[in-house]
Amino acid sequence: MMGAVDQDAYGKNGVLREADYFNKQREFEVWMMEQKKIHDTGGMPKWETKQYFREYMEDFNTCTLPHDKYIDLEKWEMAEFHRKKASEAKRRASGDALSMREDEMEMNLKKRRAREAANAKFDNLVKASITGSKRENMQSQDLLRAKMQNAYKHGDMETVKRIEKRLEPDEMEGWR
């Protein structure tokens, strides 16, 4: 016959009791999402949540949780952060080229910036080529189009035809 187990020393991570629910709530919710595939513990009846927490407690106390993050999520997140930070620093220190994905993103960004610069340059050239009289002419054409639309809405076809005739392009010599 085996001896009695000291319940206070049970489990290498300590003993979890039902009263510890609020202390281990984040770890429990992560365990529920990843192990039980239940994402909304808030909408679950209280008795069912307690039943799942008892199962989590049993795994915690018997050290059979599948991952350390279910034991101490904050500690695991910090360790993961430091691990990623160290690997990034090591990669940068070794002088390795950026990953292909980063290279591709950087190249696309350069292309987009060059395209935007070319478009801006073209826009500036167009704006510079438009003289004051051309600008006024374009504004008057816009005004005539608005008047034509208004006349069309009111059924004044005579005014529409007259404005259409004014908006027709002038014939240029040598284009026939």
C-alpha atoms as a PDB file:
ATOM      1  CA  MET A   1       0.000   0.000   0.000  1.00  0.00           C
ATOM      2  CA  MET A   2       1.279   3.439  -0.964  1.00  0.00           C
ATOM      3  CA  GLY A   3       1.628   6.285   1.447  1.00  0.00           C
ATOM      4  CA  ALA A   4      -0.523   9.390   1.519  1.00  0.00           C
ATOM      5  CA  VAL A   5       0.342  12.190  -0.870  1.00  0.00           C
ATOM      6  CA  ASP A   6       1.126  15.606   0.580  1.00  0.00           C
ATOM      7  CA  GLN A   7      -1.521  17.707  -1.181  1.00  0.00           C
ATOM      8  CA  ASP A   8       0.347  20.996  -0.627  1.00  0.00           C
ATOM      9  CA  ALA A   9       3.426  19.667  -2.454  1.00  0.00           C
ATOM     10  CA  TYR A  10       1.394  18.057  -5.258  1.00  0.00           C
ATOM     11  CA  GLY A  11       2.442  19.261  -8.690  1.00  0.00           C
ATOM     12  CA  LYS A  12       5.712  20.887  -9.642  1.00  0.00           C
ATOM     13  CA  ASN A  13       3.888  24.139 -10.518  1.00  0.00           C
ATOM     14  CA  GLY A  14       1.977  24.327  -7.278  1.00  0.00           C
ATOM     15  CA  VAL A  15      -1.571  23.376  -6.468  1.00  0.00           C
ATOM     16  CA  LEU A  16      -4.491  24.939  -8.242  1.00  0.00           C
ATOM     17  CA  ARG A  17      -7.829  25.195  -6.465  1.00  0.00           C
ATOM     18  CA  GLU A  18     -11.234  26.440  -7.594  1.00  0.00           C
ATOM     19  CA  ALA A  19     -10.579  29.648  -5.673  1.00  0.00           C
ATOM     20  CA  ASP A  20      -7.684  30.348  -8.071  1.00  0.00           C
ATOM     21  CA  TYR A  21     -10.038  30.728 -11.050  1.00  0.00           C
ATOM     22  CA  PHE A  22      -9.549  34.505 -11.318  1.00  0.00           C
ATOM     23  CA  ASN A  23      -5.761  34.219 -10.928  1.00  0.00           C
ATOM     24  CA  LYS A  24      -5.527  31.703 -13.782  1.00  0.00           C
ATOM     25  CA  GLN A  25      -8.407  32.985 -15.904  1.00  0.00           C
ATOM     26  CA  ARG A  26      -6.243  34.017 -18.905  1.00  0.00           C
ATOM     27  CA  GLU A  27      -4.402  30.683 -18.934  1.00  0.00           C
ATOM     28  CA  PHE A  28      -7.714  28.842 -18.601  1.00  0.00           C
ATOM     29  CA  GLU A  29      -9.281  30.789 -21.495  1.00  0.00           C
ATOM     30  CA  VAL A  30      -6.273  30.104 -23.742  1.00  0.00           C
ATOM     31  CA  TRP A  31      -6.496  26.413 -22.787  1.00  0.00           C
ATOM     32  CA  MET A  32     -10.223  26.426 -23.607  1.00  0.00           C
ATOM     33  CA  MET A  33      -9.629  28.030 -27.024  1.00  0.00           C
ATOM     34  CA  GLU A  34      -6.705  25.872 -28.065  1.00  0.00           C
ATOM     35  CA  GLN A  35      -7.473  22.530 -26.428  1.00  0.00           C
ATOM     36  CA  LYS A  36     -11.273  22.459 -26.225  1.00  0.00           C
ATOM     37  CA  LYS A  37     -11.931  24.734 -29.240  1.00  0.00           C
ATOM     38  CA  ILE A  38     -14.378  26.823 -27.185  1.00  0.00           C
ATOM     39  CA  HIS A  39     -13.859  30.520 -27.859  1.00  0.00           C
ATOM     40  CA  ASP A  40     -16.585  32.171 -25.775  1.00  0.00           C
ATOM     41  CA  THR A  41     -16.432  31.165 -22.139  1.00  0.00           C
ATOM     42  CA  GLY A  42     -18.447  34.243 -21.156  1.00  0.00           C
ATOM     43  CA  GLY A  43     -21.605  32.952 -22.843  1.00  0.00           C
ATOM     44  CA  MET A  44     -21.296  29.551 -21.214  1.00  0.00           C
ATOM     45  CA  PRO A  45     -23.332  28.583 -18.124  1.00  0.00           C
ATOM     46  CA  LYS A  46     -21.412  28.981 -14.876  1.00  0.00           C
ATOM     47  CA  TRP A  47     -21.711  25.293 -13.951  1.00  0.00           C
ATOM     48  CA  GLU A  48     -20.223  24.275 -17.312  1.00  0.00           C
ATOM     49  CA  THR A  49     -17.351  26.743 -16.937  1.00  0.00           C
ATOM     50  CA  LYS A  50     -16.644  25.310 -13.469  1.00  0.00           C
ATOM     51  CA  GLN A  51     -16.692  21.796 -14.899  1.00  0.00           C
ATOM     52  CA  TYR A  52     -14.118  22.754 -17.553  1.00  0.00           C
ATOM     53  CA  PHE A  53     -12.048  24.586 -14.936  1.00  0.00           C
ATOM     54  CA  ARG A  54     -11.996  21.425 -12.805  1.00  0.00           C
ATOM     55  CA  GLU A  55     -10.622  19.538 -15.821  1.00  0.00           C
ATOM     56  CA  TYR A  56      -8.012  22.284 -16.325  1.00  0.00           C
ATOM     57  CA  MET A  57      -7.204  22.134 -12.594  1.00  0.00           C
ATOM     58  CA  GLU A  58      -6.660  18.385 -12.766  1.00  0.00           C
ATOM     59  CA  ASP A  59      -4.273  18.737 -15.724  1.00  0.00           C
ATOM     60  CA  PHE A  60      -2.479  21.612 -13.967  1.00  0.00           C
ATOM     61  CA  ASN A  61      -2.087  19.734 -10.682  1.00  0.00           C
ATOM     62  CA  THR A  62      -0.962  16.495 -12.356  1.00  0.00           C
ATOM     63  CA  CYS A  63       1.436  18.399 -14.662  1.00  0.00           C
ATOM     64  CA  THR A  64      -0.217  16.988 -17.779  1.00  0.00           C
ATOM     65  CA  LEU A  65      -0.932  20.281 -19.532  1.00  0.00           C
ATOM     66  CA  PRO A  66       0.369  20.049 -23.112  1.00  0.00           C
ATOM     67  CA  HIS A  67       2.220  23.373 -23.031  1.00  0.00           C
ATOM     68  CA  ASP A  68       3.872  25.734 -20.535  1.00  0.00           C
ATOM     69  CA  LYS A  69       1.734  28.678 -21.645  1.00  0.00           C
ATOM     70  CA  TYR A  70      -1.276  27.083 -19.929  1.00  0.00           C
ATOM     71  CA  ILE A  71       0.654  27.188 -16.638  1.00  0.00           C
ATOM     72  CA  ASP A  72       1.947  30.779 -16.654  1.00  0.00           C
ATOM     73  CA  LEU A  73       0.898  32.699 -19.768  1.00  0.00           C
ATOM     74  CA  GLU A  74       2.662  35.941 -18.852  1.00  0.00           C
ATOM     75  CA  LYS A  75       5.966  34.154 -18.233  1.00  0.00           C
ATOM     76  CA  TRP A  76       5.600  32.234 -21.512  1.00  0.00           C
ATOM     77  CA  GLU A  77       4.780  35.440 -23.464  1.00  0.00           C
ATOM     78  CA  MET A  78       7.855  37.194 -22.045  1.00  0.00           C
ATOM     79  CA  ALA A  79      10.083  34.213 -22.853  1.00  0.00           C
ATOM     80  CA  GLU A  80       8.650  34.088 -26.391  1.00  0.00           C
ATOM     81  CA  PHE A  81       9.219  37.830 -26.809  1.00  0.00           C
ATOM     82  CA  HIS A  82      12.832  37.558 -25.644  1.00  0.00           C
ATOM     83  CA  ARG A  83      13.416  34.512 -27.853  1.00  0.00           C
ATOM     84  CA  LYS A  84      12.125  36.335 -30.951  1.00  0.00           C
ATOM     85  CA  LYS A  85      14.072  39.464 -30.049  1.00  0.00           C
ATOM     86  CA  ALA A  86      17.294  37.455 -29.624  1.00  0.00           C
ATOM     87  CA  SER A  87      16.838  35.590 -32.905  1.00  0.00           C
ATOM     88  CA  GLU A  88      16.147  38.876 -34.719  1.00  0.00           C
ATOM     89  CA  ALA A  89      19.259  40.463 -33.197  1.00  0.00           C
ATOM     90  CA  LYS A  90      21.311  37.391 -34.107  1.00  0.00           C
ATOM     91  CA  ARG A  91      20.019  37.469 -37.685  1.00  0.00           C
ATOM     92  CA  ARG A  92      20.817  41.161 -38.045  1.00  0.00           C
ATOM     93  CA  ALA A  93      24.248  40.759 -36.430  1.00  0.00           C
ATOM     94  CA  SER A  94      25.210  37.919 -38.750  1.00  0.00           C
ATOM     95  CA  GLY A  95      24.627  40.192 -41.743  1.00  0.00           C
ATOM     96  CA  ASP A  96      22.285  37.773 -43.464  1.00  0.00           C
ATOM     97  CA  ALA A  97      20.155  39.165 -46.243  1.00  0.00           C
ATOM     98  CA  LEU A  98      16.566  39.921 -45.462  1.00  0.00           C
ATOM     99  CA  SER A  99      14.139  37.152 -46.102  1.00  0.00           C
ATOM    100  CA  MET A 100      12.739  36.898 -49.613  1.00  0.00           C
ATOM    101  CA  ARG A 101       9.378  38.179 -48.465  1.00  0.00           C
ATOM    102  CA  GLU A 102      10.939  41.266 -46.891  1.00  0.00           C
ATOM    103  CA  ASP A 103      13.033  41.799 -50.047  1.00  0.00           C
ATOM    104  CA  GLU A 104       9.933  41.564 -52.195  1.00  0.00           C
ATOM    105  CA  MET A 105       8.006  43.976 -49.982  1.00  0.00           C
ATOM    106  CA  GLU A 106      10.896  46.447 -50.042  1.00  0.00           C
ATOM    107  CA  MET A 107      11.195  46.198 -53.839  1.00  0.00           C
ATOM    108  CA  ASN A 108       7.438  46.732 -54.296  1.00  0.00           C
ATOM    109  CA  LEU A 109       7.602  49.764 -52.018  1.00  0.00           C
ATOM    110  CA  LYS A 110      10.443  51.259 -54.074  1.00  0.00           C
ATOM    111  CA  LYS A 111       8.517  50.641 -57.318  1.00  0.00           C
ATOM    112  CA  ARG A 112       5.383  52.227 -55.894  1.00  0.00           C
ATOM    113  CA  ARG A 113       7.320  55.282 -54.697  1.00  0.00           C
ATOM    114  CA  ALA A 114       8.982  55.650 -58.117  1.00  0.00           C
ATOM    115  CA  ARG A 115       5.594  55.356 -59.841  1.00  0.00           C
ATOM    116  CA  GLU A 116       4.069  57.940 -57.487  1.00  0.00           C
ATOM    117  CA  ALA A 117       6.998  60.295 -58.117  1.00  0.00           C
ATOM    118  CA  ALA A 118       6.597  59.899 -61.895  1.00  0.00           C
ATOM    119  CA  ASN A 119       2.848  60.549 -61.632  1.00  0.00           C
ATOM    120  CA  ALA A 120       3.452  63.634 -59.495  1.00  0.00           C
ATOM    121  CA  LYS A 121       6.024  64.904 -61.992  1.00  0.00           C
ATOM    122  CA  PHE A 122       3.576  64.367 -64.870  1.00  0.00           C
ATOM    123  CA  ASP A 123       0.797  66.129 -62.957  1.00  0.00           C
ATOM    124  CA  ASN A 124       3.090  69.084 -62.298  1.00  0.00           C
ATOM    125  CA  LEU A 125       4.007  69.276 -65.999  1.00  0.00           C
ATOM    126  CA  VAL A 126       0.335  69.222 -66.999  1.00  0.00           C
ATOM    127  CA  LYS A 127      -0.506  71.911 -64.461  1.00  0.00           C
ATOM    128  CA  ALA A 128       2.384  74.059 -65.661  1.00  0.00           C
ATOM    129  CA  SER A 129       1.367  73.685 -69.312  1.00  0.00           C
ATOM    130  CA  ILE A 130      -2.154  74.923 -68.676  1.00  0.00           C
ATOM    131  CA  THR A 131      -2.108  78.662 -69.160  1.00  0.00           C
ATOM    132  CA  GLY A 132      -4.551  81.040 -67.566  1.00  0.00           C
ATOM    133  CA  SER A 133      -6.697  81.244 -70.702  1.00  0.00           C
ATOM    134  CA  LYS A 134      -6.808  77.439 -71.049  1.00  0.00           C
ATOM    135  CA  ARG A 135      -7.827  77.119 -67.412  1.00  0.00           C
ATOM    136  CA  GLU A 136     -10.616  79.674 -67.890  1.00  0.00           C
ATOM    137  CA  ASN A 137     -11.731  77.887 -71.069  1.00  0.00           C
ATOM    138  CA  MET A 138     -11.908  74.539 -69.226  1.00  0.00           C
ATOM    139  CA  GLN A 139     -13.891  76.118 -66.389  1.00  0.00           C
ATOM    140  CA  SER A 140     -16.345  77.698 -68.831  1.00  0.00           C
ATOM    141  CA  GLN A 141     -16.788  74.313 -70.560  1.00  0.00           C
ATOM    142  CA  ASP A 142     -17.582  72.721 -67.201  1.00  0.00           C
ATOM    143  CA  LEU A 143     -20.119  75.473 -66.555  1.00  0.00           C
ATOM    144  CA  LEU A 144     -21.695  74.938 -69.990  1.00  0.00           C
ATOM    145  CA  ARG A 145     -21.959  71.175 -69.355  1.00  0.00           C
ATOM    146  CA  ALA A 146     -23.735  71.860 -66.060  1.00  0.00           C
ATOM    147  CA  LYS A 147     -26.147  74.265 -67.805  1.00  0.00           C
ATOM    148  CA  MET A 148     -26.775  71.667 -70.527  1.00  0.00           C
ATOM    149  CA  GLN A 149     -27.598  68.986 -67.941  1.00  0.00           C
ATOM    150  CA  ASN A 150     -29.961  71.373 -66.180  1.00  0.00           C
ATOM    151  CA  ALA A 151     -31.691  72.263 -69.472  1.00  0.00           C
ATOM    152  CA  TYR A 152     -32.023  68.573 -70.344  1.00  0.00           C
ATOM    153  CA  LYS A 153     -33.629  67.860 -66.966  1.00  0.00           C
ATOM    154  CA  HIS A 154     -36.156  70.641 -67.596  1.00  0.00           C
ATOM    155  CA  GLY A 155     -36.879  69.475 -71.158  1.00  0.00           C
ATOM    156  CA  ASP A 156     -35.436  72.568 -72.874  1.00  0.00           C
ATOM    157  CA  MET A 157     -34.062  70.742 -75.928  1.00  0.00           C
ATOM    158  CA  GLU A 158     -33.399  73.946 -77.853  1.00  0.00           C
ATOM    159  CA  THR A 159     -30.920  75.133 -75.211  1.00  0.00           C
ATOM    160  CA  VAL A 160     -29.370  71.644 -75.070  1.00  0.00           C
ATOM    161  CA  LYS A 161     -28.697  71.668 -78.850  1.00  0.00           C
ATOM    162  CA  ARG A 162     -27.306  75.199 -78.727  1.00  0.00           C
ATOM    163  CA  ILE A 163     -24.893  74.313 -75.885  1.00  0.00           C
ATOM    164  CA  GLU A 164     -23.882  71.048 -77.612  1.00  0.00           C
ATOM    165  CA  LYS A 165     -22.952  73.036 -80.697  1.00  0.00           C
ATOM    166  CA  ARG A 166     -20.829  75.406 -78.583  1.00  0.00           C
ATOM    167  CA  LEU A 167     -19.085  72.475 -76.868  1.00  0.00           C
ATOM    168  CA  GLU A 168     -18.150  70.752 -80.148  1.00  0.00           C
ATOM    169  CA  PRO A 169     -14.401  70.897 -80.811  1.00  0.00           C
ATOM    170  CA  ASP A 170     -13.221  73.436 -83.342  1.00  0.00           C
ATOM    171  CA  GLU A 171     -12.029  71.949 -86.626  1.00  0.00           C
ATOM    172  CA  MET A 172      -8.302  72.208 -86.982  1.00  0.00           C
ATOM    173  CA  GLU A 173      -6.721  72.930 -90.335  1.00  0.00           C
ATOM    174  CA  GLY A 174      -5.056  69.963 -92.013  1.00  0.00           C
ATOM    175  CA  TRP A 175      -7.074  67.374 -90.096  1.00  0.00           C
ATOM    176  CA  ARG A 176      -9.368  66.437 -92.965  1.00  0.00           C
END
